[in-house]
N, C-alpha and C. Protein backbone atom coordinates (compact mmCIF):
# COMPACT_ATOMS: atom_id res chain seq x y z
N MET A 1 -21.00 8.18 27.54
CA MET A 1 -21.19 7.71 26.28
C MET A 1 -22.34 8.31 25.65
N ALA A 2 -23.48 8.43 26.31
CA ALA A 2 -24.60 9.20 25.62
C ALA A 2 -24.23 10.59 25.09
N GLN A 3 -23.48 11.41 25.85
CA GLN A 3 -22.99 12.82 25.72
C GLN A 3 -22.09 12.76 24.16
N ASP A 4 -21.49 11.77 24.03
CA ASP A 4 -20.46 11.87 22.90
C ASP A 4 -21.57 11.39 21.77
N GLU A 5 -22.40 10.48 21.89
CA GLU A 5 -23.52 10.31 20.73
C GLU A 5 -24.35 11.64 20.36
N THR A 6 -24.62 12.42 21.32
CA THR A 6 -25.37 13.44 21.21
C THR A 6 -24.59 14.62 20.41
N LYS A 7 -23.16 14.72 20.65
CA LYS A 7 -22.38 15.76 20.03
C LYS A 7 -22.23 15.34 18.71
N ASN A 8 -22.18 14.13 18.49
CA ASN A 8 -21.75 13.63 17.04
C ASN A 8 -22.69 12.62 16.51
N PRO A 9 -23.93 12.83 16.37
CA PRO A 9 -25.09 12.02 16.01
C PRO A 9 -24.85 11.21 14.86
N ILE A 10 -23.78 11.55 13.81
CA ILE A 10 -23.85 10.94 12.53
C ILE A 10 -23.08 9.60 12.63
N ARG A 11 -22.38 9.46 13.77
CA ARG A 11 -21.61 8.07 13.91
C ARG A 11 -22.68 6.78 13.94
N ASN A 12 -23.92 7.31 14.38
CA ASN A 12 -25.08 6.01 14.81
C ASN A 12 -26.11 6.18 13.86
N GLU A 13 -26.19 7.32 12.87
CA GLU A 13 -27.33 7.27 12.03
C GLU A 13 -27.48 6.24 11.05
N HIS A 14 -26.48 5.62 10.78
CA HIS A 14 -26.44 4.42 9.68
C HIS A 14 -25.68 3.41 10.14
N PRO A 15 -26.13 2.86 11.14
CA PRO A 15 -25.39 1.63 11.56
C PRO A 15 -24.90 0.40 10.39
N GLN A 16 -23.81 0.08 10.40
CA GLN A 16 -23.22 -0.96 9.23
C GLN A 16 -24.03 -2.29 9.58
N PRO A 17 -24.54 -2.94 8.70
CA PRO A 17 -25.16 -4.22 8.79
C PRO A 17 -24.11 -5.28 9.14
N ASN A 18 -24.75 -6.25 9.76
CA ASN A 18 -23.82 -7.40 10.17
C ASN A 18 -23.49 -8.25 9.05
N GLY A 19 -22.18 -8.62 9.09
CA GLY A 19 -21.63 -9.56 7.98
C GLY A 19 -21.50 -10.86 8.47
N PRO A 20 -20.67 -11.63 7.69
CA PRO A 20 -20.26 -12.82 8.11
C PRO A 20 -19.32 -12.82 9.32
N PRO A 21 -19.39 -13.80 10.28
CA PRO A 21 -18.44 -13.81 11.45
C PRO A 21 -16.87 -13.69 11.09
N GLU A 22 -16.19 -13.14 11.74
CA GLU A 22 -14.72 -12.78 11.62
C GLU A 22 -13.92 -14.07 11.85
N ASN A 23 -13.15 -14.50 10.85
CA ASN A 23 -12.14 -15.46 10.98
C ASN A 23 -10.84 -15.04 10.84
N ARG A 24 -10.14 -14.85 12.01
CA ARG A 24 -8.77 -14.00 11.93
C ARG A 24 -7.75 -14.84 10.98
N ALA A 25 -7.83 -16.25 11.12
CA ALA A 25 -6.68 -16.93 10.11
C ALA A 25 -7.01 -16.77 8.88
N ALA A 26 -8.45 -16.63 8.41
CA ALA A 26 -8.68 -16.62 7.06
C ALA A 26 -8.35 -15.21 6.59
N GLN A 27 -8.58 -14.29 7.37
CA GLN A 27 -8.40 -12.87 7.09
C GLN A 27 -6.91 -12.75 6.68
N LEU A 28 -6.06 -13.16 7.88
CA LEU A 28 -4.64 -13.01 7.38
C LEU A 28 -4.11 -13.73 6.15
N GLY A 29 -4.83 -15.08 5.92
CA GLY A 29 -4.50 -15.68 4.55
C GLY A 29 -4.72 -14.88 3.55
N LEU A 30 -6.05 -14.37 3.61
CA LEU A 30 -6.49 -13.80 2.25
C LEU A 30 -5.86 -12.38 2.24
N GLY A 31 -5.55 -11.74 3.16
CA GLY A 31 -4.76 -10.61 3.13
C GLY A 31 -3.49 -10.95 2.46
N CYS A 32 -2.68 -11.69 2.85
CA CYS A 32 -1.26 -12.10 2.28
C CYS A 32 -1.60 -12.57 0.80
N PHE A 33 -2.65 -13.22 0.51
CA PHE A 33 -2.83 -13.86 -0.78
C PHE A 33 -3.07 -12.60 -1.66
N PHE A 34 -3.91 -11.86 -1.39
CA PHE A 34 -4.35 -10.67 -2.27
C PHE A 34 -2.93 -9.50 -2.16
N GLY A 35 -2.56 -9.64 -1.23
CA GLY A 35 -1.27 -8.65 -1.21
C GLY A 35 -0.18 -8.95 -2.18
N VAL A 36 0.02 -10.18 -2.25
CA VAL A 36 0.86 -10.61 -3.25
C VAL A 36 0.32 -10.34 -4.75
N ILE A 37 -0.94 -10.70 -4.95
CA ILE A 37 -1.54 -10.43 -6.28
C ILE A 37 -1.24 -8.81 -6.49
N PHE A 38 -1.61 -7.95 -5.46
CA PHE A 38 -1.39 -6.60 -5.47
C PHE A 38 -0.03 -6.13 -6.03
N GLY A 39 1.10 -6.82 -5.37
CA GLY A 39 2.20 -6.46 -5.62
C GLY A 39 2.75 -6.95 -6.96
N PHE A 40 2.16 -7.92 -7.37
CA PHE A 40 2.47 -8.54 -8.71
C PHE A 40 2.06 -7.47 -9.75
N LEU A 41 0.63 -7.07 -9.54
CA LEU A 41 0.04 -6.24 -10.54
C LEU A 41 0.83 -4.98 -10.66
N LEU A 42 1.07 -4.39 -9.40
CA LEU A 42 1.89 -3.33 -9.38
C LEU A 42 3.08 -3.30 -10.36
N GLN A 43 3.86 -4.46 -10.08
CA GLN A 43 5.23 -4.46 -10.82
C GLN A 43 4.88 -4.42 -12.48
N LYS A 44 3.83 -5.44 -12.68
CA LYS A 44 3.48 -5.71 -13.96
C LYS A 44 2.99 -4.36 -14.72
N GLY A 45 2.25 -3.70 -14.05
CA GLY A 45 1.86 -2.43 -14.59
C GLY A 45 2.92 -1.30 -14.57
N GLY A 46 4.05 -1.37 -14.18
CA GLY A 46 5.06 -0.62 -14.15
C GLY A 46 5.19 0.64 -13.40
N VAL A 47 4.20 0.62 -12.41
CA VAL A 47 4.15 1.68 -11.36
C VAL A 47 5.27 1.57 -10.20
N ALA A 48 5.72 0.42 -10.15
CA ALA A 48 6.95 0.45 -8.99
C ALA A 48 8.54 0.83 -9.53
N LYS A 49 8.32 1.58 -10.77
CA LYS A 49 9.46 2.07 -11.27
C LYS A 49 9.85 3.52 -10.96
N TYR A 50 11.02 4.07 -10.33
CA TYR A 50 11.09 5.14 -10.04
C TYR A 50 10.73 6.23 -11.07
N GLU A 51 11.47 6.21 -12.50
CA GLU A 51 10.93 6.98 -13.42
C GLU A 51 9.77 7.14 -13.86
N VAL A 52 8.77 6.09 -13.44
CA VAL A 52 7.36 6.18 -13.83
C VAL A 52 6.69 6.98 -12.70
N LEU A 53 7.24 6.79 -11.55
CA LEU A 53 6.55 7.60 -10.38
C LEU A 53 6.83 8.97 -10.37
N ILE A 54 8.03 9.22 -10.53
CA ILE A 54 8.40 10.69 -10.65
C ILE A 54 7.86 11.37 -11.86
N GLY A 55 7.66 10.49 -12.90
CA GLY A 55 7.09 11.28 -14.12
C GLY A 55 5.77 11.63 -14.00
N MET A 56 4.94 10.95 -12.90
CA MET A 56 3.71 11.24 -12.54
C MET A 56 3.53 12.48 -11.72
N LEU A 57 4.47 12.78 -11.03
CA LEU A 57 4.75 13.90 -10.05
C LEU A 57 5.00 15.04 -10.95
N LEU A 58 5.55 14.63 -12.11
CA LEU A 58 6.05 15.94 -13.14
C LEU A 58 4.88 16.32 -14.01
N LEU A 59 3.89 15.41 -14.09
CA LEU A 59 2.76 15.47 -15.03
C LEU A 59 3.51 15.11 -16.38
N GLU A 60 4.17 14.13 -16.42
CA GLU A 60 4.83 13.74 -17.80
C GLU A 60 4.54 12.20 -18.09
N ASP A 61 4.30 11.63 -17.20
CA ASP A 61 3.75 10.18 -17.21
C ASP A 61 2.59 9.86 -16.56
N PHE A 62 1.43 9.30 -17.17
CA PHE A 62 0.18 9.09 -16.44
C PHE A 62 -0.07 7.74 -16.11
N THR A 63 0.89 6.77 -16.20
CA THR A 63 0.71 5.47 -16.04
C THR A 63 0.13 5.14 -14.97
N VAL A 64 0.54 5.77 -13.68
CA VAL A 64 0.24 5.48 -12.46
C VAL A 64 -1.46 5.97 -12.26
N VAL A 65 -1.74 7.15 -12.79
CA VAL A 65 -3.10 7.49 -12.78
C VAL A 65 -3.93 6.52 -13.44
N LYS A 66 -3.64 6.15 -14.54
CA LYS A 66 -4.44 4.91 -15.15
C LYS A 66 -4.49 3.67 -14.65
N VAL A 67 -3.45 3.18 -13.92
CA VAL A 67 -3.65 1.90 -13.15
C VAL A 67 -4.27 2.11 -11.89
N MET A 68 -4.06 3.25 -11.21
CA MET A 68 -4.96 3.31 -9.93
C MET A 68 -6.37 3.69 -10.11
N MET A 69 -6.76 4.57 -11.03
CA MET A 69 -8.24 4.79 -11.58
C MET A 69 -8.75 3.70 -11.79
N SER A 70 -8.23 2.72 -12.60
CA SER A 70 -8.59 1.51 -13.20
C SER A 70 -9.19 0.55 -11.69
N ALA A 71 -8.13 0.57 -10.89
CA ALA A 71 -8.23 -0.03 -9.64
C ALA A 71 -9.25 0.35 -8.88
N VAL A 72 -9.63 1.74 -8.73
CA VAL A 72 -10.54 2.25 -7.95
C VAL A 72 -12.06 1.74 -8.59
N VAL A 73 -12.22 1.69 -9.88
CA VAL A 73 -13.20 1.41 -10.60
C VAL A 73 -13.79 -0.05 -10.25
N VAL A 74 -12.59 -1.06 -10.61
CA VAL A 74 -12.87 -2.49 -10.34
C VAL A 74 -13.37 -2.53 -8.78
N GLY A 75 -12.42 -1.88 -7.98
CA GLY A 75 -12.38 -2.11 -6.50
C GLY A 75 -13.82 -1.56 -6.00
N MET A 76 -14.50 -0.50 -6.39
CA MET A 76 -15.60 0.07 -5.79
C MET A 76 -16.72 -0.92 -6.25
N ILE A 77 -16.85 -1.25 -7.49
CA ILE A 77 -17.97 -1.97 -7.95
C ILE A 77 -17.91 -3.43 -7.21
N GLY A 78 -16.80 -4.05 -7.04
CA GLY A 78 -16.69 -5.08 -6.60
C GLY A 78 -16.82 -5.21 -4.97
N ILE A 79 -16.41 -4.30 -4.16
CA ILE A 79 -16.69 -4.14 -2.79
C ILE A 79 -18.31 -3.87 -2.54
N TYR A 80 -18.86 -3.00 -3.40
CA TYR A 80 -20.10 -2.75 -3.20
C TYR A 80 -21.11 -3.84 -3.58
N ALA A 81 -20.73 -4.64 -4.61
CA ALA A 81 -21.51 -5.97 -4.96
C ALA A 81 -21.26 -6.79 -3.91
N LEU A 82 -20.10 -7.13 -3.40
CA LEU A 82 -19.82 -8.06 -2.13
C LEU A 82 -20.67 -7.78 -0.93
N HIS A 83 -20.62 -6.21 -0.70
CA HIS A 83 -21.29 -5.84 0.48
C HIS A 83 -22.91 -5.90 0.17
N THR A 84 -23.41 -5.63 -0.94
CA THR A 84 -24.83 -5.78 -1.11
C THR A 84 -25.26 -7.52 -0.79
N ALA A 85 -24.26 -8.23 -1.23
CA ALA A 85 -24.62 -9.77 -1.00
C ALA A 85 -24.48 -10.06 0.29
N GLY A 86 -23.74 -9.32 1.28
CA GLY A 86 -23.73 -9.68 2.54
C GLY A 86 -22.43 -10.62 2.93
N LEU A 87 -21.55 -10.39 1.97
CA LEU A 87 -20.41 -11.35 1.90
C LEU A 87 -19.04 -10.49 2.63
N VAL A 88 -19.19 -9.25 2.75
CA VAL A 88 -18.01 -8.54 3.41
C VAL A 88 -18.80 -7.46 4.17
N LYS A 89 -18.02 -6.98 5.15
CA LYS A 89 -18.31 -5.65 6.02
C LYS A 89 -17.58 -4.64 5.60
N LEU A 90 -18.07 -3.44 5.77
CA LEU A 90 -17.36 -2.09 5.51
C LEU A 90 -16.82 -1.58 6.60
N HIS A 91 -15.40 -1.26 6.69
CA HIS A 91 -14.74 -0.73 8.04
C HIS A 91 -14.45 0.47 7.85
N ILE A 92 -15.40 1.59 7.78
CA ILE A 92 -14.97 3.06 7.43
C ILE A 92 -14.36 3.85 8.29
N LYS A 93 -13.36 4.28 8.08
CA LYS A 93 -12.72 5.21 9.02
C LYS A 93 -13.34 6.40 9.20
N PRO A 94 -13.33 7.06 10.37
CA PRO A 94 -13.91 8.31 10.51
C PRO A 94 -13.24 9.46 9.71
N THR A 95 -13.99 10.51 9.46
CA THR A 95 -13.49 11.63 8.82
C THR A 95 -12.97 12.75 9.74
N ARG A 96 -11.93 12.92 9.89
CA ARG A 96 -11.36 13.85 10.77
C ARG A 96 -10.40 15.00 10.04
N TYR A 97 -10.96 16.29 9.80
CA TYR A 97 -10.24 17.21 9.02
C TYR A 97 -8.89 17.30 9.49
N GLY A 98 -8.70 17.50 10.72
CA GLY A 98 -7.31 17.96 11.13
C GLY A 98 -6.31 16.92 10.73
N ALA A 99 -6.79 15.63 11.17
CA ALA A 99 -5.70 14.55 11.08
C ALA A 99 -5.57 14.06 9.56
N ASN A 100 -6.51 14.15 8.82
CA ASN A 100 -6.63 14.03 7.44
C ASN A 100 -5.94 14.85 6.67
N THR A 101 -5.79 16.08 7.06
CA THR A 101 -5.17 17.32 6.34
C THR A 101 -3.59 17.06 6.61
N LEU A 102 -3.29 16.90 8.00
CA LEU A 102 -1.75 16.86 8.23
C LEU A 102 -1.09 15.60 7.81
N GLY A 103 -2.12 14.70 7.82
CA GLY A 103 -1.39 13.23 7.37
C GLY A 103 -1.16 13.28 5.69
N GLY A 104 -2.24 14.02 5.02
CA GLY A 104 -1.97 14.26 3.75
C GLY A 104 -0.79 15.13 3.26
N ILE A 105 -0.66 16.04 4.11
CA ILE A 105 0.59 16.90 3.68
C ILE A 105 1.94 15.98 3.99
N LEU A 106 1.90 15.26 5.04
CA LEU A 106 3.24 14.52 5.31
C LEU A 106 3.35 13.24 4.40
N PHE A 107 2.24 12.72 3.85
CA PHE A 107 2.46 11.82 2.92
C PHE A 107 2.98 12.25 1.49
N GLY A 108 2.17 13.54 1.36
CA GLY A 108 2.74 14.29 -0.20
C GLY A 108 4.11 14.56 -0.04
N ILE A 109 4.62 15.22 1.11
CA ILE A 109 6.01 15.62 1.03
C ILE A 109 6.88 14.39 0.95
N GLY A 110 6.56 13.31 1.77
CA GLY A 110 7.44 11.92 1.65
C GLY A 110 7.39 11.35 0.22
N PHE A 111 6.18 11.47 -0.42
CA PHE A 111 6.06 10.86 -1.72
C PHE A 111 6.94 11.75 -2.88
N GLY A 112 6.84 13.27 -2.62
CA GLY A 112 7.60 14.03 -3.35
C GLY A 112 8.96 13.97 -3.25
N LEU A 113 9.54 13.29 -2.16
CA LEU A 113 10.96 13.44 -1.80
C LEU A 113 11.50 12.06 -2.49
N ALA A 114 10.65 10.96 -2.22
CA ALA A 114 11.02 9.51 -2.59
C ALA A 114 10.62 9.21 -3.79
N ALA A 115 9.36 9.53 -4.14
CA ALA A 115 8.67 9.15 -5.36
C ALA A 115 8.35 7.64 -5.12
N TYR A 116 8.23 7.28 -3.97
CA TYR A 116 7.73 5.72 -3.50
C TYR A 116 6.59 5.92 -2.34
N CYS A 117 5.46 5.19 -2.56
CA CYS A 117 4.60 5.14 -1.35
C CYS A 117 4.76 3.77 -0.74
N PRO A 118 4.10 3.40 0.20
CA PRO A 118 4.10 2.12 0.83
C PRO A 118 4.12 0.86 -0.04
N GLY A 119 3.03 0.80 -0.88
CA GLY A 119 2.96 -0.17 -1.83
C GLY A 119 4.03 -0.17 -2.80
N THR A 120 4.26 0.94 -3.54
CA THR A 120 5.30 1.03 -4.75
C THR A 120 6.55 0.73 -4.19
N GLY A 121 6.78 1.20 -3.08
CA GLY A 121 8.22 1.10 -2.47
C GLY A 121 8.46 -0.36 -2.11
N THR A 122 7.49 -1.19 -1.49
CA THR A 122 7.63 -2.73 -1.56
C THR A 122 7.80 -3.41 -2.73
N ALA A 123 7.12 -3.11 -3.83
CA ALA A 123 7.21 -3.73 -5.00
C ALA A 123 8.27 -3.33 -5.75
N ALA A 124 8.88 -2.10 -5.57
CA ALA A 124 10.14 -1.64 -6.02
C ALA A 124 11.28 -2.58 -5.52
N LEU A 125 11.32 -2.72 -4.19
CA LEU A 125 12.35 -3.64 -3.40
C LEU A 125 12.18 -5.05 -3.93
N GLY A 126 10.91 -5.48 -4.26
CA GLY A 126 10.89 -6.90 -4.64
C GLY A 126 11.50 -7.04 -6.21
N GLN A 127 11.47 -5.83 -6.95
CA GLN A 127 11.77 -6.01 -8.39
C GLN A 127 13.50 -5.72 -8.17
N GLY A 128 13.99 -5.43 -7.21
CA GLY A 128 15.48 -5.36 -7.21
C GLY A 128 15.94 -3.71 -7.27
N ASN A 129 14.97 -2.84 -6.97
CA ASN A 129 15.44 -1.40 -6.90
C ASN A 129 15.83 -1.17 -5.33
N PHE A 130 17.03 -1.25 -5.07
CA PHE A 130 17.67 -1.04 -3.65
C PHE A 130 17.43 0.15 -3.23
N ASP A 131 17.06 1.32 -3.86
CA ASP A 131 16.95 2.67 -3.37
C ASP A 131 15.63 2.77 -2.47
N ALA A 132 14.85 1.75 -2.75
CA ALA A 132 13.49 1.62 -1.93
C ALA A 132 13.74 1.07 -0.54
N ILE A 133 15.02 0.58 -0.22
CA ILE A 133 15.56 0.17 1.16
C ILE A 133 15.39 1.39 2.25
N ALA A 134 15.86 2.49 1.79
CA ALA A 134 15.88 3.63 2.43
C ALA A 134 14.35 4.38 2.76
N VAL A 135 13.60 4.08 1.80
CA VAL A 135 12.15 4.65 1.82
C VAL A 135 11.26 3.69 2.92
N LEU A 136 11.65 2.25 2.95
CA LEU A 136 10.99 1.33 3.76
C LEU A 136 11.54 1.50 5.13
N LEU A 137 12.69 1.82 5.31
CA LEU A 137 13.23 2.03 6.60
C LEU A 137 12.49 3.34 7.14
N GLY A 138 12.58 4.39 6.47
CA GLY A 138 11.80 5.40 6.93
C GLY A 138 10.42 5.38 7.22
N LEU A 139 9.63 4.24 6.51
CA LEU A 139 8.29 3.97 6.57
C LEU A 139 8.09 3.19 8.04
N MET A 140 9.12 2.36 8.42
CA MET A 140 8.95 1.77 9.57
C MET A 140 9.36 2.73 10.66
N ALA A 141 10.39 3.66 10.65
CA ALA A 141 10.45 4.41 11.77
C ALA A 141 9.30 5.44 12.00
N GLY A 142 8.70 5.70 10.89
CA GLY A 142 7.64 6.80 10.93
C GLY A 142 6.34 5.91 11.53
N SER A 143 6.23 4.63 11.41
CA SER A 143 5.23 3.83 11.78
C SER A 143 5.49 3.77 13.30
N TYR A 144 6.75 3.40 13.79
CA TYR A 144 7.06 3.39 15.29
C TYR A 144 6.59 4.77 15.82
N VAL A 145 7.13 5.84 15.40
CA VAL A 145 6.88 7.16 16.07
C VAL A 145 5.26 7.40 16.08
N PHE A 146 4.70 6.99 15.09
CA PHE A 146 3.20 7.17 14.86
C PHE A 146 2.40 6.65 16.26
N ALA A 147 2.90 5.01 16.30
CA ALA A 147 2.38 4.16 17.18
C ALA A 147 2.70 4.73 18.62
N GLU A 148 3.89 5.21 18.98
CA GLU A 148 4.10 5.86 20.09
C GLU A 148 3.34 7.19 20.64
N ALA A 149 3.09 7.74 19.50
CA ALA A 149 2.35 9.14 19.76
C ALA A 149 0.95 8.99 19.53
N SER A 150 0.36 7.77 19.28
CA SER A 150 -1.02 7.62 19.16
C SER A 150 -1.96 7.87 20.18
N GLY A 151 -1.49 7.89 21.43
CA GLY A 151 -2.22 8.33 22.54
C GLY A 151 -2.42 9.84 22.45
N TRP A 152 -1.30 10.56 22.26
CA TRP A 152 -1.28 11.86 22.46
C TRP A 152 -2.29 12.37 21.22
N LEU A 153 -2.14 11.60 19.95
CA LEU A 153 -2.83 12.09 18.97
C LEU A 153 -4.21 12.01 19.06
N ALA A 154 -4.49 10.81 19.66
CA ALA A 154 -6.03 10.69 20.03
C ALA A 154 -6.76 11.77 20.68
N ARG A 155 -5.91 12.32 21.58
CA ARG A 155 -6.38 13.42 22.49
C ARG A 155 -6.50 14.90 21.90
N THR A 156 -5.64 14.94 20.76
CA THR A 156 -5.41 16.33 20.28
C THR A 156 -5.84 16.29 18.91
N VAL A 157 -5.24 16.04 17.99
CA VAL A 157 -5.16 16.00 16.47
C VAL A 157 -6.43 15.28 16.07
N ASN A 158 -6.77 14.29 16.60
CA ASN A 158 -7.83 13.43 16.16
C ASN A 158 -9.33 14.07 16.30
N ARG A 159 -9.22 14.84 17.37
CA ARG A 159 -10.43 15.74 17.51
C ARG A 159 -10.80 16.96 16.77
N TRP A 160 -9.61 17.51 16.09
CA TRP A 160 -9.90 18.63 15.32
C TRP A 160 -10.71 18.33 14.03
N GLY A 161 -11.88 18.74 14.12
CA GLY A 161 -12.70 18.54 13.03
C GLY A 161 -13.36 17.14 12.78
N ASP A 162 -13.55 16.47 13.94
CA ASP A 162 -13.94 15.05 13.59
C ASP A 162 -15.30 14.83 13.38
N ARG A 163 -15.60 14.50 12.26
CA ARG A 163 -17.10 14.47 11.72
C ARG A 163 -17.49 12.95 11.75
N GLY A 164 -16.90 12.11 12.51
CA GLY A 164 -17.37 10.84 12.32
C GLY A 164 -17.46 10.06 11.05
N VAL A 165 -18.20 8.95 10.68
CA VAL A 165 -18.17 8.31 9.51
C VAL A 165 -18.87 9.07 8.57
N LEU A 166 -18.32 9.59 7.37
CA LEU A 166 -18.90 10.23 6.27
C LEU A 166 -18.63 9.69 4.98
N THR A 167 -19.50 9.34 4.21
CA THR A 167 -19.28 8.86 2.79
C THR A 167 -19.78 9.47 1.95
N LEU A 168 -19.75 9.40 0.64
CA LEU A 168 -20.26 10.43 -0.50
C LEU A 168 -21.60 10.02 -0.63
N ASP A 169 -22.16 8.94 -0.48
CA ASP A 169 -23.66 8.50 -0.67
C ASP A 169 -24.39 9.24 0.37
N ARG A 170 -23.76 9.19 1.70
CA ARG A 170 -24.73 10.01 2.66
C ARG A 170 -24.58 11.39 2.56
N VAL A 171 -23.49 11.99 2.18
CA VAL A 171 -23.53 13.45 1.86
C VAL A 171 -24.30 13.79 0.73
N LEU A 172 -24.39 13.16 -0.11
CA LEU A 172 -25.23 13.40 -1.28
C LEU A 172 -26.62 12.93 -1.15
N ASN A 173 -26.90 12.21 -0.14
CA ASN A 173 -28.26 11.61 0.15
C ASN A 173 -28.75 10.84 -1.16
N LEU A 174 -27.80 9.90 -1.44
CA LEU A 174 -28.03 8.88 -2.74
C LEU A 174 -27.59 7.66 -2.37
N LYS A 175 -28.52 6.66 -3.01
CA LYS A 175 -28.19 5.27 -2.62
C LYS A 175 -27.13 4.89 -3.51
N PRO A 176 -26.27 3.74 -2.65
CA PRO A 176 -24.97 3.40 -3.31
C PRO A 176 -25.14 2.78 -4.69
N ARG A 177 -26.46 2.11 -4.79
CA ARG A 177 -26.51 1.41 -6.18
C ARG A 177 -26.93 2.30 -7.23
N VAL A 178 -27.15 3.63 -6.91
CA VAL A 178 -27.26 4.78 -7.82
C VAL A 178 -25.84 5.56 -7.90
N LEU A 179 -25.13 5.68 -6.95
CA LEU A 179 -24.00 6.46 -6.87
C LEU A 179 -22.80 5.82 -7.50
N VAL A 180 -22.76 4.52 -7.01
CA VAL A 180 -21.55 3.60 -7.66
C VAL A 180 -21.72 3.69 -9.33
N PRO A 181 -22.57 3.26 -9.90
CA PRO A 181 -22.59 3.35 -11.42
C PRO A 181 -22.23 4.46 -12.06
N VAL A 182 -22.70 5.67 -11.35
CA VAL A 182 -22.48 6.95 -11.98
C VAL A 182 -21.00 7.54 -11.67
N VAL A 183 -20.36 7.18 -10.58
CA VAL A 183 -19.03 7.63 -10.31
C VAL A 183 -18.39 6.65 -11.17
N ALA A 184 -18.44 5.32 -11.30
CA ALA A 184 -17.67 4.52 -12.11
C ALA A 184 -17.74 5.07 -13.48
N THR A 185 -18.86 5.59 -14.21
CA THR A 185 -18.90 5.77 -15.71
C THR A 185 -17.99 7.03 -15.55
N VAL A 186 -18.22 7.96 -14.54
CA VAL A 186 -17.39 9.38 -14.66
C VAL A 186 -15.83 8.87 -14.76
N LEU A 187 -15.51 8.01 -14.13
CA LEU A 187 -14.17 7.70 -14.00
C LEU A 187 -13.61 6.95 -15.28
N VAL A 188 -14.58 6.12 -15.72
CA VAL A 188 -14.00 5.47 -17.12
C VAL A 188 -13.70 6.54 -18.25
N LEU A 189 -14.77 7.35 -18.39
CA LEU A 189 -14.83 8.55 -19.27
C LEU A 189 -13.46 9.40 -19.08
N VAL A 190 -13.25 9.69 -17.78
CA VAL A 190 -12.00 10.51 -17.59
C VAL A 190 -10.84 9.50 -17.93
N LEU A 191 -10.73 8.19 -17.79
CA LEU A 191 -9.64 7.42 -18.13
C LEU A 191 -9.42 7.47 -19.81
N ALA A 192 -10.70 7.31 -20.26
CA ALA A 192 -10.65 7.35 -21.75
C ALA A 192 -10.17 8.62 -22.32
N ALA A 193 -10.54 9.70 -21.83
CA ALA A 193 -9.83 11.05 -22.08
C ALA A 193 -8.55 11.15 -21.92
N ILE A 194 -7.98 10.70 -20.81
CA ILE A 194 -6.59 10.89 -20.48
C ILE A 194 -5.87 9.92 -21.84
N HIS A 195 -6.23 8.81 -22.04
CA HIS A 195 -5.45 7.85 -23.00
C HIS A 195 -5.72 8.56 -24.38
N LEU A 196 -6.79 9.09 -24.72
CA LEU A 196 -6.90 9.53 -26.07
C LEU A 196 -6.18 11.03 -26.05
N PHE A 197 -6.06 11.93 -25.51
CA PHE A 197 -5.81 13.07 -25.43
C PHE A 197 -4.62 13.73 -24.61
N VAL A 198 -4.23 12.61 -23.63
CA VAL A 198 -3.22 13.23 -22.99
C VAL A 198 -1.82 12.38 -22.90
N ASP A 199 -2.17 10.96 -22.80
CA ASP A 199 -1.31 10.15 -22.56
C ASP A 199 -1.52 8.85 -23.33
N PRO A 200 -1.31 8.72 -24.69
CA PRO A 200 -1.83 7.57 -25.42
C PRO A 200 -0.96 6.17 -25.49
N THR A 201 0.04 6.28 -24.17
CA THR A 201 0.78 5.15 -24.06
C THR A 201 -0.12 4.16 -23.54
N PRO A 202 0.03 2.67 -23.84
CA PRO A 202 -0.75 1.68 -23.24
C PRO A 202 -0.42 1.52 -21.73
């Protein structure tokens, strides 16, 4: 154990503060509640439509970019505000260059072929797009294969470029209270530029 900490000291340089005690039932209930809200907003935002999603991949429709960047800004500010108040704990996944790269490539190929991701595919099925059934079946099959191969992946791919927990504030050596407003402002300016000069549709 001591040997692992020496080889990758960044894992323990910034221990995450203790938050409120975990309540599994409450977590499941809140997850279900916010999942329904998330799906509702995806559908109302129009990002569960095949033509909108494929339009994003063809750089013809920027609705998805607007919705997701808006969600990033709101989520980033909200999560860090709750974390600062001690109401939530951050569960940050480790940075693993090999796994992140291969996973991104697989996700990109699947998204390019199907024009759906897990969230948009579920919302699409909920609004009656039955072509999403094939995508969700593929997601379940892929999840099963991943679970079966998780032991092998942990011994191989997950060790390629394993850097432990990395966040932008640590890499840039900035306090979150400084970085979050700066990044949020930049994203809002990018959103405004997209709306004004690239895709003025609401």
